[in-house]
């Protein structure tokens, strides 16, 4: 179950990066749709591997790295001035933190 939101979200990012590259720019990184697509593809590959039990610890480790970067860059709620945006980003941040917790449990098991 931990893999499902990563596969779904990764597939969306890989297929259509949309405006996600702007979050990279705000974080001081190169604003690249290719980086967004690469991160999305990594989430899909890692998520499928985890879901199928193919090298699950390695898959969880890769996904943990990817979701950590995605969370810090993509959901910086502490920078939001608008209350609605702050609340939305906070929810996404903590949702990703919960997924990270599941991945860490897999790594430790």
PDB file of N, CA and C in Angstrom:
ATOM      1  N   UNK A   1       0.824  -1.201   0.000  1.00  0.00           N
ATOM      2  CA  UNK A   1       0.000   0.000   0.000  1.00  0.00           C
ATOM      3  C   UNK A   1       0.862   1.256   0.000  1.00  0.00           C
ATOM      4  N   UNK A   2       2.032   1.190   0.618  1.00  0.00           N
ATOM      5  CA  UNK A   2       2.915   2.358   0.649  1.00  0.00           C
ATOM      6  C   UNK A   2       3.352   2.725  -0.765  1.00  0.00           C
ATOM      7  N   UNK A   3       3.492   1.747  -1.617  1.00  0.00           N
ATOM      8  CA  UNK A   3       3.972   1.990  -2.977  1.00  0.00           C
ATOM      9  C   UNK A   3       2.918   2.667  -3.856  1.00  0.00           C
ATOM     10  N   UNK A   4       1.644   2.463  -3.585  1.00  0.00           N
ATOM     11  CA  UNK A   4       0.609   2.928  -4.507  1.00  0.00           C
ATOM     12  C   UNK A   4       0.602   4.442  -4.733  1.00  0.00           C
ATOM     13  N   UNK A   5       0.700   5.304  -3.716  1.00  0.00           N
ATOM     14  CA  UNK A   5       0.707   6.735  -4.025  1.00  0.00           C
ATOM     15  C   UNK A   5       1.986   7.165  -4.742  1.00  0.00           C
ATOM     16  N   UNK A   6       3.069   6.438  -4.530  1.00  0.00           N
ATOM     17  CA  UNK A   6       4.324   6.762  -5.210  1.00  0.00           C
ATOM     18  C   UNK A   6       4.245   6.390  -6.685  1.00  0.00           C
ATOM     19  N   UNK A   7       3.661   5.247  -6.987  1.00  0.00           N
ATOM     20  CA  UNK A   7       3.487   4.836  -8.380  1.00  0.00           C
ATOM     21  C   UNK A   7       2.555   5.816  -9.089  1.00  0.00           C
ATOM     22  N   UNK A   8       1.439   6.109  -8.464  1.00  0.00           N
ATOM     23  CA  UNK A   8       0.446   7.008  -9.066  1.00  0.00           C
ATOM     24  C   UNK A   8       1.025   8.407  -9.286  1.00  0.00           C
ATOM     25  N   UNK A   9       1.614   8.971  -8.249  1.00  0.00           N
ATOM     26  CA  UNK A   9       2.184  10.311  -8.360  1.00  0.00           C
ATOM     27  C   UNK A   9       3.366  10.355  -9.305  1.00  0.00           C
ATOM     28  N   UNK A  10       4.200   9.321  -9.258  1.00  0.00           N
ATOM     29  CA  UNK A  10       5.351   9.261 -10.146  1.00  0.00           C
ATOM     30  C   UNK A  10       4.947   9.161 -11.604  1.00  0.00           C
ATOM     31  N   UNK A  11       3.919   8.381 -11.860  1.00  0.00           N
ATOM     32  CA  UNK A  11       3.428   8.244 -13.227  1.00  0.00           C
ATOM     33  C   UNK A  11       2.920   9.585 -13.753  1.00  0.00           C
ATOM     34  N   UNK A  12       2.201  10.305 -12.909  1.00  0.00           N
ATOM     35  CA  UNK A  12       1.708  11.625 -13.305  1.00  0.00           C
ATOM     36  C   UNK A  12       2.837  12.594 -13.600  1.00  0.00           C
ATOM     37  N   UNK A  13       3.862  12.595 -12.756  1.00  0.00           N
ATOM     38  CA  UNK A  13       5.010  13.497 -12.951  1.00  0.00           C
ATOM     39  C   UNK A  13       5.810  13.108 -14.186  1.00  0.00           C
ATOM     40  N   UNK A  14       5.982  11.813 -14.408  1.00  0.00           N
ATOM     41  CA  UNK A  14       6.755  11.353 -15.570  1.00  0.00           C
ATOM     42  C   UNK A  14       6.030  11.667 -16.876  1.00  0.00           C
ATOM     43  N   UNK A  15       4.723  11.493 -16.872  1.00  0.00           N
ATOM     44  CA  UNK A  15       3.942  11.742 -18.092  1.00  0.00           C
ATOM     45  C   UNK A  15       3.774  13.231 -18.368  1.00  0.00           C
ATOM     46  N   UNK A  16       3.435  13.983 -17.324  1.00  0.00           N
ATOM     47  CA  UNK A  16       3.127  15.399 -17.493  1.00  0.00           C
ATOM     48  C   UNK A  16       3.705  16.186 -16.319  1.00  0.00           C
ATOM     49  N   UNK A  17       4.921  16.709 -16.477  1.00  0.00           N
ATOM     50  CA  UNK A  17       5.554  17.437 -15.371  1.00  0.00           C
ATOM     51  C   UNK A  17       4.804  18.707 -14.961  1.00  0.00           C
ATOM     52  N   UNK A  18       4.021  19.253 -15.886  1.00  0.00           N
ATOM     53  CA  UNK A  18       3.241  20.441 -15.561  1.00  0.00           C
ATOM     54  C   UNK A  18       4.115  21.561 -15.019  1.00  0.00           C
ATOM     55  N   UNK A  19       3.698  22.134 -13.913  1.00  0.00           N
ATOM     56  CA  UNK A  19       4.407  23.256 -13.299  1.00  0.00           C
ATOM     57  C   UNK A  19       5.338  22.820 -12.174  1.00  0.00           C
ATOM     58  N   UNK A  20       5.529  21.521 -12.007  1.00  0.00           N
ATOM     59  CA  UNK A  20       6.373  21.025 -10.910  1.00  0.00           C
ATOM     60  C   UNK A  20       7.804  21.556 -10.985  1.00  0.00           C
ATOM     61  N   UNK A  21       8.276  21.830 -12.197  1.00  0.00           N
ATOM     62  CA  UNK A  21       9.643  22.331 -12.346  1.00  0.00           C
ATOM     63  C   UNK A  21       9.840  23.688 -11.673  1.00  0.00           C
ATOM     64  N   UNK A  22       8.768  24.437 -11.476  1.00  0.00           N
ATOM     65  CA  UNK A  22       8.874  25.742 -10.806  1.00  0.00           C
ATOM     66  C   UNK A  22       9.271  25.585  -9.343  1.00  0.00           C
ATOM     67  N   UNK A  23       8.891  24.473  -8.729  1.00  0.00           N
ATOM     68  CA  UNK A  23       9.302  24.215  -7.345  1.00  0.00           C
ATOM     69  C   UNK A  23      10.817  24.025  -7.275  1.00  0.00           C
ATOM     70  N   UNK A  24      11.400  23.424  -8.303  1.00  0.00           N
ATOM     71  CA  UNK A  24      12.855  23.283  -8.348  1.00  0.00           C
ATOM     72  C   UNK A  24      13.515  24.656  -8.387  1.00  0.00           C
ATOM     73  N   UNK A  25      12.976  25.524  -9.212  1.00  0.00           N
ATOM     74  CA  UNK A  25      13.519  26.878  -9.338  1.00  0.00           C
ATOM     75  C   UNK A  25      13.433  27.631  -8.014  1.00  0.00           C
ATOM     76  N   UNK A  26      12.285  27.522  -7.338  1.00  0.00           N
ATOM     77  CA  UNK A  26      12.119  28.204  -6.039  1.00  0.00           C
ATOM     78  C   UNK A  26      13.105  27.674  -5.002  1.00  0.00           C
ATOM     79  N   UNK A  27      13.531  26.429  -5.158  1.00  0.00           N
ATOM     80  CA  UNK A  27      14.483  25.831  -4.221  1.00  0.00           C
ATOM     81  C   UNK A  27      15.932  26.100  -4.624  1.00  0.00           C
ATOM     82  N   UNK A  28      16.128  26.863  -5.700  1.00  0.00           N
ATOM     83  CA  UNK A  28      17.478  27.178  -6.138  1.00  0.00           C
ATOM     84  C   UNK A  28      18.122  26.112  -6.999  1.00  0.00           C
ATOM     85  N   UNK A  29      17.321  25.205  -7.515  1.00  0.00           N
ATOM     86  CA  UNK A  29      17.810  24.126  -8.379  1.00  0.00           C
ATOM     87  C   UNK A  29      17.464  24.444  -9.835  1.00  0.00           C
ATOM     88  N   UNK A  30      18.120  23.797 -10.781  1.00  0.00           N
ATOM     89  CA  UNK A  30      17.769  24.033 -12.187  1.00  0.00           C
ATOM     90  C   UNK A  30      16.314  23.631 -12.446  1.00  0.00           C
ATOM     91  N   UNK A  31      15.551  24.555 -12.995  1.00  0.00           N
ATOM     92  CA  UNK A  31      14.143  24.286 -13.306  1.00  0.00           C
ATOM     93  C   UNK A  31      14.079  23.431 -14.564  1.00  0.00           C
ATOM     94  N   UNK A  32      13.923  22.144 -14.390  1.00  0.00           N
ATOM     95  CA  UNK A  32      14.007  21.214 -15.506  1.00  0.00           C
ATOM     96  C   UNK A  32      12.847  20.229 -15.477  1.00  0.00           C
ATOM     97  N   UNK A  33      12.098  20.209 -16.566  1.00  0.00           N
ATOM     98  CA  UNK A  33      11.037  19.212 -16.671  1.00  0.00           C
ATOM     99  C   UNK A  33      11.626  17.810 -16.758  1.00  0.00           C
ATOM    100  N   UNK A  34      12.839  17.699 -17.288  1.00  0.00           N
ATOM    101  CA  UNK A  34      13.488  16.392 -17.378  1.00  0.00           C
ATOM    102  C   UNK A  34      13.781  15.833 -15.982  1.00  0.00           C
ATOM    103  N   UNK A  35      14.205  16.687 -15.048  1.00  0.00           N
ATOM    104  CA  UNK A  35      14.437  16.233 -13.675  1.00  0.00           C
ATOM    105  C   UNK A  35      13.141  15.764 -13.029  1.00  0.00           C
ATOM    106  N   UNK A  36      12.061  16.484 -13.305  1.00  0.00           N
ATOM    107  CA  UNK A  36      10.752  16.088 -12.766  1.00  0.00           C
ATOM    108  C   UNK A  36      10.355  14.731 -13.339  1.00  0.00           C
ATOM    109  N   UNK A  37      10.524  14.562 -14.633  1.00  0.00           N
ATOM    110  CA  UNK A  37      10.195  13.282 -15.274  1.00  0.00           C
ATOM    111  C   UNK A  37      11.064  12.144 -14.736  1.00  0.00           C
ATOM    112  N   UNK A  38      12.355  12.418 -14.553  1.00  0.00           N
ATOM    113  CA  UNK A  38      13.271  11.404 -14.034  1.00  0.00           C
ATOM    114  C   UNK A  38      12.873  10.986 -12.617  1.00  0.00           C
ATOM    115  N   UNK A  39      12.555  11.957 -11.769  1.00  0.00           N
ATOM    116  CA  UNK A  39      12.121  11.641 -10.412  1.00  0.00           C
ATOM    117  C   UNK A  39      10.816  10.841 -10.437  1.00  0.00           C
ATOM    118  N   UNK A  40       9.902  11.230 -11.305  1.00  0.00           N
ATOM    119  CA  UNK A  40       8.651  10.486 -11.442  1.00  0.00           C
ATOM    120  C   UNK A  40       8.879   9.056 -11.886  1.00  0.00           C
ATOM    121  N   UNK A  41       9.750   8.888 -12.873  1.00  0.00           N
ATOM    122  CA  UNK A  41      10.060   7.535 -13.360  1.00  0.00           C
ATOM    123  C   UNK A  41      10.720   6.703 -12.268  1.00  0.00           C
ATOM    124  N   UNK A  42      11.599   7.328 -11.482  1.00  0.00           N
ATOM    125  CA  UNK A  42      12.251   6.609 -10.376  1.00  0.00           C
ATOM    126  C   UNK A  42      11.216   6.145  -9.359  1.00  0.00           C
ATOM    127  N   UNK A  43      10.207   6.986  -9.105  1.00  0.00           N
ATOM    128  CA  UNK A  43       9.149   6.594  -8.172  1.00  0.00           C
ATOM    129  C   UNK A  43       8.333   5.420  -8.716  1.00  0.00           C
ATOM    130  N   UNK A  44       8.065   5.442  -9.995  1.00  0.00           N
ATOM    131  CA  UNK A  44       7.305   4.337 -10.606  1.00  0.00           C
ATOM    132  C   UNK A  44       8.102   3.036 -10.520  1.00  0.00           C
ATOM    133  N   UNK A  45       9.351   3.073 -10.932  1.00  0.00           N
ATOM    134  CA  UNK A  45      10.189   1.865 -10.928  1.00  0.00           C
ATOM    135  C   UNK A  45      10.356   1.351  -9.496  1.00  0.00           C
ATOM    136  N   UNK A  46      10.697   2.246  -8.582  1.00  0.00           N
ATOM    137  CA  UNK A  46      10.871   1.835  -7.183  1.00  0.00           C
ATOM    138  C   UNK A  46       9.573   1.347  -6.569  1.00  0.00           C
ATOM    139  N   UNK A  47       8.474   2.027  -6.878  1.00  0.00           N
ATOM    140  CA  UNK A  47       7.180   1.630  -6.341  1.00  0.00           C
ATOM    141  C   UNK A  47       6.732   0.269  -6.837  1.00  0.00           C
ATOM    142  N   UNK A  48       6.926   0.016  -8.121  1.00  0.00           N
ATOM    143  CA  UNK A  48       6.559  -1.291  -8.683  1.00  0.00           C
ATOM    144  C   UNK A  48       7.445  -2.378  -8.072  1.00  0.00           C
ATOM    145  N   UNK A  49       8.737  -2.107  -7.959  1.00  0.00           N
ATOM    146  CA  UNK A  49       9.641  -3.092  -7.356  1.00  0.00           C
ATOM    147  C   UNK A  49       9.224  -3.390  -5.916  1.00  0.00           C
ATOM    148  N   UNK A  50       8.899  -2.350  -5.162  1.00  0.00           N
ATOM    149  CA  UNK A  50       8.473  -2.551  -3.770  1.00  0.00           C
ATOM    150  C   UNK A  50       7.173  -3.352  -3.715  1.00  0.00           C
ATOM    151  N   UNK A  51       6.218  -2.979  -4.536  1.00  0.00           N
ATOM    152  CA  UNK A  51       4.917  -3.660  -4.533  1.00  0.00           C
ATOM    153  C   UNK A  51       5.045  -5.133  -4.915  1.00  0.00           C
ATOM    154  N   UNK A  52       5.985  -5.446  -5.800  1.00  0.00           N
ATOM    155  CA  UNK A  52       6.159  -6.827  -6.245  1.00  0.00           C
ATOM    156  C   UNK A  52       7.169  -7.605  -5.401  1.00  0.00           C
ATOM    157  N   UNK A  53       7.761  -6.928  -4.423  1.00  0.00           N
ATOM    158  CA  UNK A  53       8.723  -7.599  -3.564  1.00  0.00           C
ATOM    159  C   UNK A  53      10.071  -7.848  -4.219  1.00  0.00           C
ATOM    160  N   UNK A  54      10.400  -7.066  -5.232  1.00  0.00           N
ATOM    161  CA  UNK A  54      11.684  -7.203  -5.922  1.00  0.00           C
ATOM    162  C   UNK A  54      12.687  -6.275  -5.226  1.00  0.00           C
ATOM    163  N   UNK A  55      13.651  -6.890  -4.530  1.00  0.00           N
ATOM    164  CA  UNK A  55      14.640  -6.125  -3.756  1.00  0.00           C
ATOM    165  C   UNK A  55      13.955  -5.006  -2.965  1.00  0.00           C
ATOM    166  N   UNK A  56      13.039  -5.375  -2.079  1.00  0.00           N
ATOM    167  CA  UNK A  56      12.219  -4.367  -1.399  1.00  0.00           C
ATOM    168  C   UNK A  56      12.999  -3.355  -0.558  1.00  0.00           C
ATOM    169  N   UNK A  57      14.069  -3.781   0.085  1.00  0.00           N
ATOM    170  CA  UNK A  57      14.849  -2.836   0.890  1.00  0.00           C
ATOM    171  C   UNK A  57      15.528  -1.798   0.003  1.00  0.00           C
ATOM    172  N   UNK A  58      16.089  -2.237  -1.098  1.00  0.00           N
ATOM    173  CA  UNK A  58      16.732  -1.325  -2.039  1.00  0.00           C
ATOM    174  C   UNK A  58      15.692  -0.386  -2.666  1.00  0.00           C
ATOM    175  N   UNK A  59      14.544  -0.937  -3.036  1.00  0.00           N
ATOM    176  CA  UNK A  59      13.469  -0.125  -3.603  1.00  0.00           C
ATOM    177  C   UNK A  59      13.006   0.921  -2.590  1.00  0.00           C
ATOM    178  N   UNK A  60      12.827   0.497  -1.345  1.00  0.00           N
ATOM    179  CA  UNK A  60      12.382   1.431  -0.296  1.00  0.00           C
ATOM    180  C   UNK A  60      13.430   2.510  -0.046  1.00  0.00           C
ATOM    181  N   UNK A  61      14.700   2.159  -0.108  1.00  0.00           N
ATOM    182  CA  UNK A  61      15.760   3.145   0.085  1.00  0.00           C
ATOM    183  C   UNK A  61      15.738   4.193  -1.028  1.00  0.00           C
ATOM    184  N   UNK A  62      15.632   3.749  -2.254  1.00  0.00           N
ATOM    185  CA  UNK A  62      15.548   4.686  -3.377  1.00  0.00           C
ATOM    186  C   UNK A  62      14.324   5.566  -3.289  1.00  0.00           C
ATOM    187  N   UNK A  63      13.197   4.968  -2.921  1.00  0.00           N
ATOM    188  CA  UNK A  63      11.963   5.743  -2.776  1.00  0.00           C
ATOM    189  C   UNK A  63      12.057   6.731  -1.614  1.00  0.00           C
ATOM    190  N   UNK A  64      12.718   6.331  -0.540  1.00  0.00           N
ATOM    191  CA  UNK A  64      12.885   7.230   0.603  1.00  0.00           C
ATOM    192  C   UNK A  64      13.682   8.462   0.193  1.00  0.00           C
ATOM    193  N   UNK A  65      14.718   8.266  -0.584  1.00  0.00           N
ATOM    194  CA  UNK A  65      15.509   9.408  -1.074  1.00  0.00           C
ATOM    195  C   UNK A  65      14.664  10.300  -1.972  1.00  0.00           C
ATOM    196  N   UNK A  66      13.918   9.685  -2.867  1.00  0.00           N
ATOM    197  CA  UNK A  66      13.101  10.437  -3.808  1.00  0.00           C
ATOM    198  C   UNK A  66      11.987  11.211  -3.103  1.00  0.00           C
ATOM    199  N   UNK A  67      11.291  10.564  -2.182  1.00  0.00           N
ATOM    200  CA  UNK A  67      10.172  11.241  -1.513  1.00  0.00           C
ATOM    201  C   UNK A  67      10.664  12.337  -0.577  1.00  0.00           C
ATOM    202  N   UNK A  68      11.854  12.161  -0.005  1.00  0.00           N
ATOM    203  CA  UNK A  68      12.408  13.210   0.850  1.00  0.00           C
ATOM    204  C   UNK A  68      12.690  14.458   0.023  1.00  0.00           C
ATOM    205  N   UNK A  69      13.350  14.286  -1.117  1.00  0.00           N
ATOM    206  CA  UNK A  69      13.636  15.430  -1.988  1.00  0.00           C
ATOM    207  C   UNK A  69      12.346  16.072  -2.489  1.00  0.00           C
ATOM    208  N   UNK A  70      11.403  15.244  -2.911  1.00  0.00           N
ATOM    209  CA  UNK A  70      10.125  15.749  -3.401  1.00  0.00           C
ATOM    210  C   UNK A  70       9.397  16.539  -2.324  1.00  0.00           C
ATOM    211  N   UNK A  71       9.428  16.061  -1.107  1.00  0.00           N
ATOM    212  CA  UNK A  71       8.711  16.703  -0.014  1.00  0.00           C
ATOM    213  C   UNK A  71       9.323  18.054   0.342  1.00  0.00           C
ATOM    214  N   UNK A  72      10.628  18.092   0.487  1.00  0.00           N
ATOM    215  CA  UNK A  72      11.291  19.338   0.871  1.00  0.00           C
ATOM    216  C   UNK A  72      11.184  20.383  -0.237  1.00  0.00           C
ATOM    217  N   UNK A  73      11.378  19.965  -1.473  1.00  0.00           N
ATOM    218  CA  UNK A  73      11.340  20.906  -2.598  1.00  0.00           C
ATOM    219  C   UNK A  73       9.907  21.254  -2.988  1.00  0.00           C
ATOM    220  N   UNK A  74       9.040  20.273  -2.998  1.00  0.00           N
ATOM    221  CA  UNK A  74       7.694  20.474  -3.527  1.00  0.00           C
ATOM    222  C   UNK A  74       6.640  20.943  -2.548  1.00  0.00           C
ATOM    223  N   UNK A  75       6.895  20.793  -1.263  1.00  0.00           N
ATOM    224  CA  UNK A  75       5.861  21.148  -0.282  1.00  0.00           C
ATOM    225  C   UNK A  75       6.408  21.969   0.884  1.00  0.00           C
ATOM    226  N   UNK A  76       7.093  23.089   0.591  1.00  0.00           N
ATOM    227  CA  UNK A  76       7.664  23.909   1.669  1.00  0.00           C
ATOM    228  C   UNK A  76       6.588  24.800   2.308  1.00  0.00           C
ATOM    229  N   UNK A  77       5.763  24.187   3.139  1.00  0.00           N
ATOM    230  CA  UNK A  77       4.643  24.913   3.742  1.00  0.00           C
ATOM    231  C   UNK A  77       5.104  26.127   4.534  1.00  0.00           C
ATOM    232  N   UNK A  78       6.315  26.079   5.064  1.00  0.00           N
ATOM    233  CA  UNK A  78       6.841  27.160   5.884  1.00  0.00           C
ATOM    234  C   UNK A  78       7.081  28.437   5.072  1.00  0.00           C
ATOM    235  N   UNK A  79       7.101  28.339   3.751  1.00  0.00           N
ATOM    236  CA  UNK A  79       7.293  29.517   2.897  1.00  0.00           C
ATOM    237  C   UNK A  79       5.983  30.140   2.448  1.00  0.00           C
ATOM    238  N   UNK A  80       4.901  29.428   2.623  1.00  0.00           N
ATOM    239  CA  UNK A  80       3.596  29.896   2.139  1.00  0.00           C
ATOM    240  C   UNK A  80       3.063  31.010   3.025  1.00  0.00           C
ATOM    241  N   UNK A  81       2.643  32.098   2.394  1.00  0.00           N
ATOM    242  CA  UNK A  81       2.064  33.211   3.137  1.00  0.00           C
ATOM    243  C   UNK A  81       0.541  33.115   3.189  1.00  0.00           C
ATOM    244  N   UNK A  82      -0.050  32.583   2.139  1.00  0.00           N
ATOM    245  CA  UNK A  82      -1.496  32.412   2.082  1.00  0.00           C
ATOM    246  C   UNK A  82      -1.901  31.231   2.968  1.00  0.00           C
ATOM    247  N   UNK A  83      -2.884  31.443   3.825  1.00  0.00           N
ATOM    248  CA  UNK A  83      -3.292  30.409   4.791  1.00  0.00           C
ATOM    249  C   UNK A  83      -3.806  29.139   4.111  1.00  0.00           C
ATOM    250  N   UNK A  84      -4.571  29.283   3.043  1.00  0.00           N
ATOM    251  CA  UNK A  84      -5.102  28.110   2.333  1.00  0.00           C
ATOM    252  C   UNK A  84      -3.961  27.310   1.700  1.00  0.00           C
ATOM    253  N   UNK A  85      -3.032  28.010   1.061  1.00  0.00           N
ATOM    254  CA  UNK A  85      -1.881  27.329   0.459  1.00  0.00           C
ATOM    255  C   UNK A  85      -1.019  26.672   1.517  1.00  0.00           C
ATOM    256  N   UNK A  86      -0.824  27.365   2.636  1.00  0.00           N
ATOM    257  CA  UNK A  86      -0.019  26.799   3.720  1.00  0.00           C
ATOM    258  C   UNK A  86      -0.646  25.511   4.237  1.00  0.00           C
ATOM    259  N   UNK A  87      -1.956  25.532   4.411  1.00  0.00           N
ATOM    260  CA  UNK A  87      -2.653  24.349   4.917  1.00  0.00           C
ATOM    261  C   UNK A  87      -2.540  23.183   3.929  1.00  0.00           C
ATOM    262  N   UNK A  88      -2.720  23.472   2.648  1.00  0.00           N
ATOM    263  CA  UNK A  88      -2.629  22.437   1.624  1.00  0.00           C
ATOM    264  C   UNK A  88      -1.221  21.851   1.565  1.00  0.00           C
ATOM    265  N   UNK A  89      -0.209  22.692   1.571  1.00  0.00           N
ATOM    266  CA  UNK A  89       1.175  22.220   1.526  1.00  0.00           C
ATOM    267  C   UNK A  89       1.545  21.449   2.799  1.00  0.00           C
ATOM    268  N   UNK A  90       0.996  21.879   3.932  1.00  0.00           N
ATOM    269  CA  UNK A  90       1.263  21.173   5.193  1.00  0.00           C
ATOM    270  C   UNK A  90       0.704  19.752   5.137  1.00  0.00           C
ATOM    271  N   UNK A  91      -0.500  19.617   4.620  1.00  0.00           N
ATOM    272  CA  UNK A  91      -1.115  18.289   4.489  1.00  0.00           C
ATOM    273  C   UNK A  91      -0.266  17.404   3.578  1.00  0.00           C
ATOM    274  N   UNK A  92       0.166  17.931   2.441  1.00  0.00           N
ATOM    275  CA  UNK A  92       0.987  17.147   1.514  1.00  0.00           C
ATOM    276  C   UNK A  92       2.329  16.782   2.144  1.00  0.00           C
ATOM    277  N   UNK A  93       2.927  17.706   2.883  1.00  0.00           N
ATOM    278  CA  UNK A  93       4.193  17.457   3.551  1.00  0.00           C
ATOM    279  C   UNK A  93       4.061  16.290   4.527  1.00  0.00           C
ATOM    280  N   UNK A  94       3.037  16.342   5.379  1.00  0.00           N
ATOM    281  CA  UNK A  94       2.882  15.285   6.376  1.00  0.00           C
ATOM    282  C   UNK A  94       2.410  13.962   5.775  1.00  0.00           C
ATOM    283  N   UNK A  95       1.664  14.016   4.673  1.00  0.00           N
ATOM    284  CA  UNK A  95       1.305  12.776   3.973  1.00  0.00           C
ATOM    285  C   UNK A  95       2.569  12.097   3.463  1.00  0.00           C
ATOM    286  N   UNK A  96       3.467  12.891   2.871  1.00  0.00           N
ATOM    287  CA  UNK A  96       4.718  12.326   2.386  1.00  0.00           C
ATOM    288  C   UNK A  96       5.595  11.842   3.529  1.00  0.00           C
ATOM    289  N   UNK A  97       5.568  12.550   4.654  1.00  0.00           N
ATOM    290  CA  UNK A  97       6.330  12.106   5.828  1.00  0.00           C
ATOM    291  C   UNK A  97       5.813  10.751   6.315  1.00  0.00           C
ATOM    292  N   UNK A  98       4.502  10.537   6.261  1.00  0.00           N
ATOM    293  CA  UNK A  98       3.929   9.250   6.661  1.00  0.00           C
ATOM    294  C   UNK A  98       4.369   8.138   5.704  1.00  0.00           C
ATOM    295  N   UNK A  99       4.394   8.445   4.410  1.00  0.00           N
ATOM    296  CA  UNK A  99       4.871   7.469   3.432  1.00  0.00           C
ATOM    297  C   UNK A  99       6.341   7.153   3.705  1.00  0.00           C
ATOM    298  N   UNK A 100       7.123   8.181   3.999  1.00  0.00           N
ATOM    299  CA  UNK A 100       8.532   7.976   4.333  1.00  0.00           C
ATOM    300  C   UNK A 100       8.665   7.053   5.544  1.00  0.00           C
ATOM    301  N   UNK A 101       7.808   7.228   6.537  1.00  0.00           N
ATOM    302  CA  UNK A 101       7.828   6.351   7.698  1.00  0.00           C
ATOM    303  C   UNK A 101       7.610   4.899   7.322  1.00  0.00           C
ATOM    304  N   UNK A 102       6.661   4.646   6.411  1.00  0.00           N
ATOM    305  CA  UNK A 102       6.432   3.280   5.941  1.00  0.00           C
ATOM    306  C   UNK A 102       7.640   2.717   5.208  1.00  0.00           C
ATOM    307  N   UNK A 103       8.282   3.569   4.417  1.00  0.00           N
ATOM    308  CA  UNK A 103       9.486   3.124   3.699  1.00  0.00           C
ATOM    309  C   UNK A 103      10.615   2.801   4.674  1.00  0.00           C
ATOM    310  N   UNK A 104      10.777   3.626   5.703  1.00  0.00           N
ATOM    311  CA  UNK A 104      11.811   3.359   6.700  1.00  0.00           C
ATOM    312  C   UNK A 104      11.549   2.064   7.460  1.00  0.00           C
ATOM    313  N   UNK A 105      10.280   1.755   7.715  1.00  0.00           N
ATOM    314  CA  UNK A 105       9.946   0.477   8.341  1.00  0.00           C
ATOM    315  C   UNK A 105      10.358  -0.698   7.453  1.00  0.00           C
ATOM    316  N   UNK A 106      10.150  -0.555   6.156  1.00  0.00           N
ATOM    317  CA  UNK A 106      10.555  -1.601   5.215  1.00  0.00           C
ATOM    318  C   UNK A 106      12.071  -1.758   5.209  1.00  0.00           C
ATOM    319  N   UNK A 107      12.779  -0.656   5.231  1.00  0.00           N
ATOM    320  CA  UNK A 107      14.242  -0.715   5.223  1.00  0.00           C
ATOM    321  C   UNK A 107      14.755  -1.397   6.497  1.00  0.00           C
ATOM    322  N   UNK A 108      14.126  -1.097   7.623  1.00  0.00           N
ATOM    323  CA  UNK A 108      14.573  -1.628   8.913  1.00  0.00           C
ATOM    324  C   UNK A 108      14.158  -3.072   9.148  1.00  0.00           C
ATOM    325  N   UNK A 109      13.148  -3.546   8.439  1.00  0.00           N
ATOM    326  CA  UNK A 109      12.618  -4.893   8.687  1.00  0.00           C
ATOM    327  C   UNK A 109      13.578  -5.986   8.292  1.00  0.00           C
TER     328      UNK A 109
END
